[in-house]
Amino acid sequence: MTHPVTRIDDTVHQRVRLGILALLDPVKSVDFTRLRDEMGLTDGNLSRHLQVLEAAGFLSIDKGFDGRKPRTWVSITRDGRKALHKEIAALRELIASYDG
């Protein structure tokens, strides 16, 4: 049996990206501005993390308008949800195996 740490996904495990996926998991989608504010990030920092997660297939980004105001909506994909749940399971297993 391999150590639980070997099942941690580097793309998901990064603190901000893990937080983004966790925030998106229970909802259909979140507006970019709310996501930025909830995570305490700058626009550029959030954008970079979203690019990484989108490239991995873990979320989708939809741009549109609310009246004349541009809006960006972010949603977790099925693969993103699976990756998040696998990450949480690996972290639980890691914690359970800790003897300290």
N, C-alpha and C. Protein backbone atom coordinates (compact mmCIF):
# COMPACT_ATOMS: atom_id res chain seq x y z
N MET A 1 0.85 -1.18 0.00
CA MET A 1 0.00 0.00 0.00
C MET A 1 0.89 1.24 0.00
N THR A 2 0.57 2.20 -0.82
CA THR A 2 1.36 3.43 -0.90
C THR A 2 0.86 4.45 0.13
N HIS A 3 1.71 5.36 0.45
CA HIS A 3 1.39 6.41 1.41
C HIS A 3 0.30 7.33 0.82
N PRO A 4 -0.63 7.82 1.65
CA PRO A 4 -1.71 8.68 1.17
C PRO A 4 -1.24 9.94 0.44
N VAL A 5 -0.07 10.42 0.79
CA VAL A 5 0.44 11.64 0.16
C VAL A 5 0.64 11.45 -1.36
N THR A 6 0.83 10.22 -1.80
CA THR A 6 1.03 9.97 -3.23
C THR A 6 -0.26 10.18 -4.02
N ARG A 7 -1.40 10.25 -3.35
CA ARG A 7 -2.68 10.46 -4.03
C ARG A 7 -3.11 11.93 -4.05
N ILE A 8 -2.27 12.81 -3.53
CA ILE A 8 -2.58 14.24 -3.56
C ILE A 8 -2.23 14.79 -4.94
N ASP A 9 -3.19 15.50 -5.52
CA ASP A 9 -3.05 16.08 -6.86
C ASP A 9 -2.45 17.48 -6.72
N ASP A 10 -1.28 17.72 -7.29
CA ASP A 10 -0.61 19.01 -7.17
C ASP A 10 -1.43 20.16 -7.73
N THR A 11 -2.19 19.91 -8.77
CA THR A 11 -3.03 20.96 -9.35
C THR A 11 -4.13 21.37 -8.38
N VAL A 12 -4.75 20.42 -7.77
CA VAL A 12 -5.86 20.68 -6.84
C VAL A 12 -5.33 21.14 -5.49
N HIS A 13 -4.25 20.58 -5.03
CA HIS A 13 -3.80 20.78 -3.65
C HIS A 13 -3.33 22.20 -3.35
N GLN A 14 -2.91 22.94 -4.33
CA GLN A 14 -2.47 24.31 -4.08
C GLN A 14 -3.59 25.05 -3.33
N ARG A 15 -3.25 25.76 -2.28
CA ARG A 15 -4.21 26.36 -1.34
C ARG A 15 -5.35 27.12 -2.02
N VAL A 16 -5.05 28.01 -2.93
CA VAL A 16 -6.08 28.82 -3.58
C VAL A 16 -6.95 27.96 -4.49
N ARG A 17 -6.33 27.07 -5.27
CA ARG A 17 -7.11 26.24 -6.19
C ARG A 17 -8.01 25.28 -5.43
N LEU A 18 -7.53 24.74 -4.32
CA LEU A 18 -8.37 23.88 -3.48
C LEU A 18 -9.56 24.67 -2.96
N GLY A 19 -9.32 25.89 -2.53
CA GLY A 19 -10.39 26.75 -2.05
C GLY A 19 -11.41 27.09 -3.13
N ILE A 20 -10.94 27.35 -4.33
CA ILE A 20 -11.84 27.66 -5.45
C ILE A 20 -12.75 26.47 -5.73
N LEU A 21 -12.16 25.29 -5.84
CA LEU A 21 -12.97 24.09 -6.12
C LEU A 21 -13.95 23.81 -4.99
N ALA A 22 -13.52 23.99 -3.74
CA ALA A 22 -14.40 23.76 -2.60
C ALA A 22 -15.56 24.75 -2.60
N LEU A 23 -15.29 25.99 -2.97
CA LEU A 23 -16.35 26.98 -3.02
C LEU A 23 -17.34 26.69 -4.14
N LEU A 24 -16.84 26.18 -5.26
CA LEU A 24 -17.69 25.90 -6.42
C LEU A 24 -18.47 24.60 -6.31
N ASP A 25 -17.97 23.64 -5.52
CA ASP A 25 -18.57 22.31 -5.47
C ASP A 25 -20.07 22.30 -5.17
N PRO A 26 -20.56 23.02 -4.17
CA PRO A 26 -21.98 22.90 -3.83
C PRO A 26 -22.93 23.78 -4.65
N VAL A 27 -22.40 24.58 -5.57
CA VAL A 27 -23.25 25.52 -6.31
C VAL A 27 -23.16 25.28 -7.82
N LYS A 28 -24.10 25.84 -8.54
CA LYS A 28 -24.09 25.70 -10.00
C LYS A 28 -22.96 26.53 -10.62
N SER A 29 -22.84 27.78 -10.19
CA SER A 29 -21.78 28.65 -10.68
C SER A 29 -21.62 29.83 -9.73
N VAL A 30 -20.48 30.50 -9.85
CA VAL A 30 -20.19 31.67 -9.02
C VAL A 30 -19.64 32.77 -9.93
N ASP A 31 -20.08 33.97 -9.67
CA ASP A 31 -19.60 35.15 -10.38
C ASP A 31 -18.14 35.41 -10.01
N PHE A 32 -17.34 35.82 -10.99
CA PHE A 32 -15.91 36.09 -10.79
C PHE A 32 -15.68 37.03 -9.60
N THR A 33 -16.47 38.09 -9.52
CA THR A 33 -16.28 39.08 -8.46
C THR A 33 -16.51 38.46 -7.08
N ARG A 34 -17.54 37.66 -6.93
CA ARG A 34 -17.80 37.01 -5.64
C ARG A 34 -16.66 36.05 -5.30
N LEU A 35 -16.22 35.29 -6.30
CA LEU A 35 -15.13 34.34 -6.09
C LEU A 35 -13.86 35.08 -5.66
N ARG A 36 -13.57 36.17 -6.33
CA ARG A 36 -12.39 36.99 -5.99
C ARG A 36 -12.49 37.50 -4.56
N ASP A 37 -13.65 38.03 -4.20
CA ASP A 37 -13.82 38.60 -2.87
C ASP A 37 -13.80 37.52 -1.78
N GLU A 38 -14.47 36.40 -2.03
CA GLU A 38 -14.49 35.30 -1.04
C GLU A 38 -13.09 34.75 -0.80
N MET A 39 -12.30 34.67 -1.86
CA MET A 39 -10.96 34.11 -1.74
C MET A 39 -9.91 35.15 -1.32
N GLY A 40 -10.27 36.44 -1.36
CA GLY A 40 -9.34 37.49 -0.96
C GLY A 40 -8.19 37.65 -1.93
N LEU A 41 -8.48 37.58 -3.23
CA LEU A 41 -7.45 37.62 -4.26
C LEU A 41 -7.58 38.87 -5.12
N THR A 42 -6.53 39.16 -5.86
CA THR A 42 -6.62 40.20 -6.89
C THR A 42 -7.22 39.58 -8.15
N ASP A 43 -7.68 40.42 -9.05
CA ASP A 43 -8.23 39.92 -10.32
C ASP A 43 -7.21 39.06 -11.06
N GLY A 44 -5.97 39.57 -11.14
CA GLY A 44 -4.93 38.84 -11.88
C GLY A 44 -4.57 37.51 -11.24
N ASN A 45 -4.50 37.49 -9.91
CA ASN A 45 -4.16 36.25 -9.22
C ASN A 45 -5.26 35.22 -9.41
N LEU A 46 -6.51 35.63 -9.24
CA LEU A 46 -7.62 34.70 -9.45
C LEU A 46 -7.64 34.20 -10.89
N SER A 47 -7.44 35.11 -11.84
CA SER A 47 -7.45 34.72 -13.26
C SER A 47 -6.43 33.64 -13.55
N ARG A 48 -5.25 33.76 -12.99
CA ARG A 48 -4.19 32.78 -13.23
C ARG A 48 -4.57 31.41 -12.67
N HIS A 49 -5.12 31.38 -11.47
CA HIS A 49 -5.54 30.11 -10.88
C HIS A 49 -6.69 29.49 -11.69
N LEU A 50 -7.60 30.33 -12.16
CA LEU A 50 -8.70 29.81 -12.98
C LEU A 50 -8.17 29.23 -14.29
N GLN A 51 -7.17 29.86 -14.87
CA GLN A 51 -6.57 29.33 -16.11
C GLN A 51 -6.00 27.94 -15.88
N VAL A 52 -5.31 27.75 -14.77
CA VAL A 52 -4.70 26.44 -14.45
C VAL A 52 -5.80 25.39 -14.30
N LEU A 53 -6.84 25.72 -13.54
CA LEU A 53 -7.93 24.77 -13.32
C LEU A 53 -8.72 24.49 -14.60
N GLU A 54 -8.91 25.51 -15.43
CA GLU A 54 -9.61 25.32 -16.69
C GLU A 54 -8.79 24.43 -17.63
N ALA A 55 -7.48 24.66 -17.69
CA ALA A 55 -6.61 23.85 -18.54
C ALA A 55 -6.61 22.39 -18.11
N ALA A 56 -6.78 22.15 -16.80
CA ALA A 56 -6.84 20.77 -16.29
C ALA A 56 -8.21 20.14 -16.51
N GLY A 57 -9.18 20.95 -16.97
CA GLY A 57 -10.52 20.44 -17.20
C GLY A 57 -11.38 20.40 -15.95
N PHE A 58 -10.96 21.13 -14.91
CA PHE A 58 -11.65 21.09 -13.63
C PHE A 58 -12.73 22.15 -13.46
N LEU A 59 -12.73 23.14 -14.34
CA LEU A 59 -13.81 24.12 -14.30
C LEU A 59 -14.06 24.70 -15.67
N SER A 60 -15.21 25.36 -15.80
CA SER A 60 -15.54 26.04 -17.05
C SER A 60 -15.82 27.50 -16.73
N ILE A 61 -15.51 28.35 -17.69
CA ILE A 61 -15.68 29.79 -17.53
C ILE A 61 -16.59 30.28 -18.65
N ASP A 62 -17.65 30.97 -18.27
CA ASP A 62 -18.61 31.52 -19.23
C ASP A 62 -18.67 33.03 -19.06
N LYS A 63 -18.47 33.73 -20.17
CA LYS A 63 -18.53 35.19 -20.15
C LYS A 63 -19.80 35.65 -20.83
N GLY A 64 -20.40 36.67 -20.27
CA GLY A 64 -21.63 37.21 -20.84
C GLY A 64 -21.88 38.60 -20.28
N PHE A 65 -23.12 39.02 -20.38
CA PHE A 65 -23.48 40.35 -19.92
C PHE A 65 -24.71 40.27 -19.03
N ASP A 66 -24.74 41.14 -18.03
CA ASP A 66 -25.90 41.35 -17.19
C ASP A 66 -26.32 42.79 -17.51
N GLY A 67 -27.26 42.92 -18.46
CA GLY A 67 -27.54 44.24 -19.02
C GLY A 67 -26.34 44.64 -19.86
N ARG A 68 -25.72 45.75 -19.52
CA ARG A 68 -24.52 46.20 -20.24
C ARG A 68 -23.23 45.85 -19.50
N LYS A 69 -23.38 45.29 -18.34
CA LYS A 69 -22.21 44.97 -17.51
C LYS A 69 -21.68 43.58 -17.85
N PRO A 70 -20.39 43.49 -18.20
CA PRO A 70 -19.81 42.16 -18.47
C PRO A 70 -19.72 41.34 -17.19
N ARG A 71 -20.03 40.07 -17.30
CA ARG A 71 -19.98 39.16 -16.14
C ARG A 71 -19.25 37.88 -16.56
N THR A 72 -18.54 37.33 -15.62
CA THR A 72 -17.85 36.07 -15.83
C THR A 72 -18.35 35.09 -14.78
N TRP A 73 -18.83 33.93 -15.24
CA TRP A 73 -19.35 32.89 -14.36
C TRP A 73 -18.42 31.69 -14.39
N VAL A 74 -18.13 31.15 -13.23
CA VAL A 74 -17.21 30.03 -13.10
C VAL A 74 -17.97 28.84 -12.52
N SER A 75 -17.81 27.66 -13.14
CA SER A 75 -18.49 26.44 -12.69
C SER A 75 -17.49 25.30 -12.60
N ILE A 76 -17.70 24.44 -11.63
CA ILE A 76 -16.88 23.24 -11.51
C ILE A 76 -17.41 22.20 -12.50
N THR A 77 -16.52 21.47 -13.13
CA THR A 77 -16.92 20.41 -14.07
C THR A 77 -17.04 19.09 -13.30
N ARG A 78 -17.54 18.08 -13.98
CA ARG A 78 -17.62 16.75 -13.39
C ARG A 78 -16.22 16.26 -13.00
N ASP A 79 -15.25 16.48 -13.89
CA ASP A 79 -13.87 16.08 -13.58
C ASP A 79 -13.32 16.87 -12.39
N GLY A 80 -13.67 18.14 -12.31
CA GLY A 80 -13.24 18.96 -11.18
C GLY A 80 -13.81 18.47 -9.87
N ARG A 81 -15.08 18.11 -9.90
CA ARG A 81 -15.74 17.59 -8.70
C ARG A 81 -15.08 16.27 -8.27
N LYS A 82 -14.81 15.39 -9.25
CA LYS A 82 -14.13 14.13 -8.93
C LYS A 82 -12.75 14.38 -8.34
N ALA A 83 -12.00 15.31 -8.94
CA ALA A 83 -10.65 15.61 -8.45
C ALA A 83 -10.71 16.18 -7.03
N LEU A 84 -11.67 17.05 -6.76
CA LEU A 84 -11.81 17.61 -5.42
C LEU A 84 -12.13 16.52 -4.41
N HIS A 85 -13.07 15.66 -4.74
CA HIS A 85 -13.47 14.60 -3.81
C HIS A 85 -12.33 13.60 -3.58
N LYS A 86 -11.53 13.32 -4.62
CA LYS A 86 -10.36 12.45 -4.45
C LYS A 86 -9.33 13.12 -3.54
N GLU A 87 -9.16 14.41 -3.71
CA GLU A 87 -8.22 15.17 -2.88
C GLU A 87 -8.64 15.13 -1.42
N ILE A 88 -9.91 15.36 -1.17
CA ILE A 88 -10.43 15.34 0.20
C ILE A 88 -10.26 13.96 0.82
N ALA A 89 -10.53 12.92 0.04
CA ALA A 89 -10.35 11.54 0.54
C ALA A 89 -8.89 11.28 0.87
N ALA A 90 -7.98 11.73 0.03
CA ALA A 90 -6.55 11.53 0.28
C ALA A 90 -6.11 12.29 1.53
N LEU A 91 -6.62 13.50 1.71
CA LEU A 91 -6.27 14.28 2.90
C LEU A 91 -6.82 13.63 4.17
N ARG A 92 -8.04 13.12 4.10
CA ARG A 92 -8.61 12.42 5.25
C ARG A 92 -7.78 11.18 5.61
N GLU A 93 -7.37 10.45 4.57
CA GLU A 93 -6.56 9.26 4.80
C GLU A 93 -5.21 9.64 5.40
N LEU A 94 -4.63 10.71 4.91
CA LEU A 94 -3.35 11.19 5.43
C LEU A 94 -3.48 11.57 6.90
N ILE A 95 -4.52 12.29 7.23
CA ILE A 95 -4.75 12.69 8.62
C ILE A 95 -4.98 11.48 9.50
N ALA A 96 -5.76 10.54 9.02
CA ALA A 96 -6.05 9.33 9.79
C ALA A 96 -4.79 8.50 10.05
N SER A 97 -3.82 8.57 9.15
CA SER A 97 -2.60 7.78 9.31
C SER A 97 -1.55 8.48 10.17
N TYR A 98 -1.82 9.69 10.55
CA TYR A 98 -0.84 10.48 11.31
C TYR A 98 -0.80 10.00 12.76
N ASP A 99 0.39 9.72 13.25
CA ASP A 99 0.57 9.21 14.61
C ASP A 99 0.97 10.28 15.61
N GLY A 100 1.27 11.49 15.14
CA GLY A 100 1.79 12.54 16.00
C GLY A 100 0.86 12.98 17.01
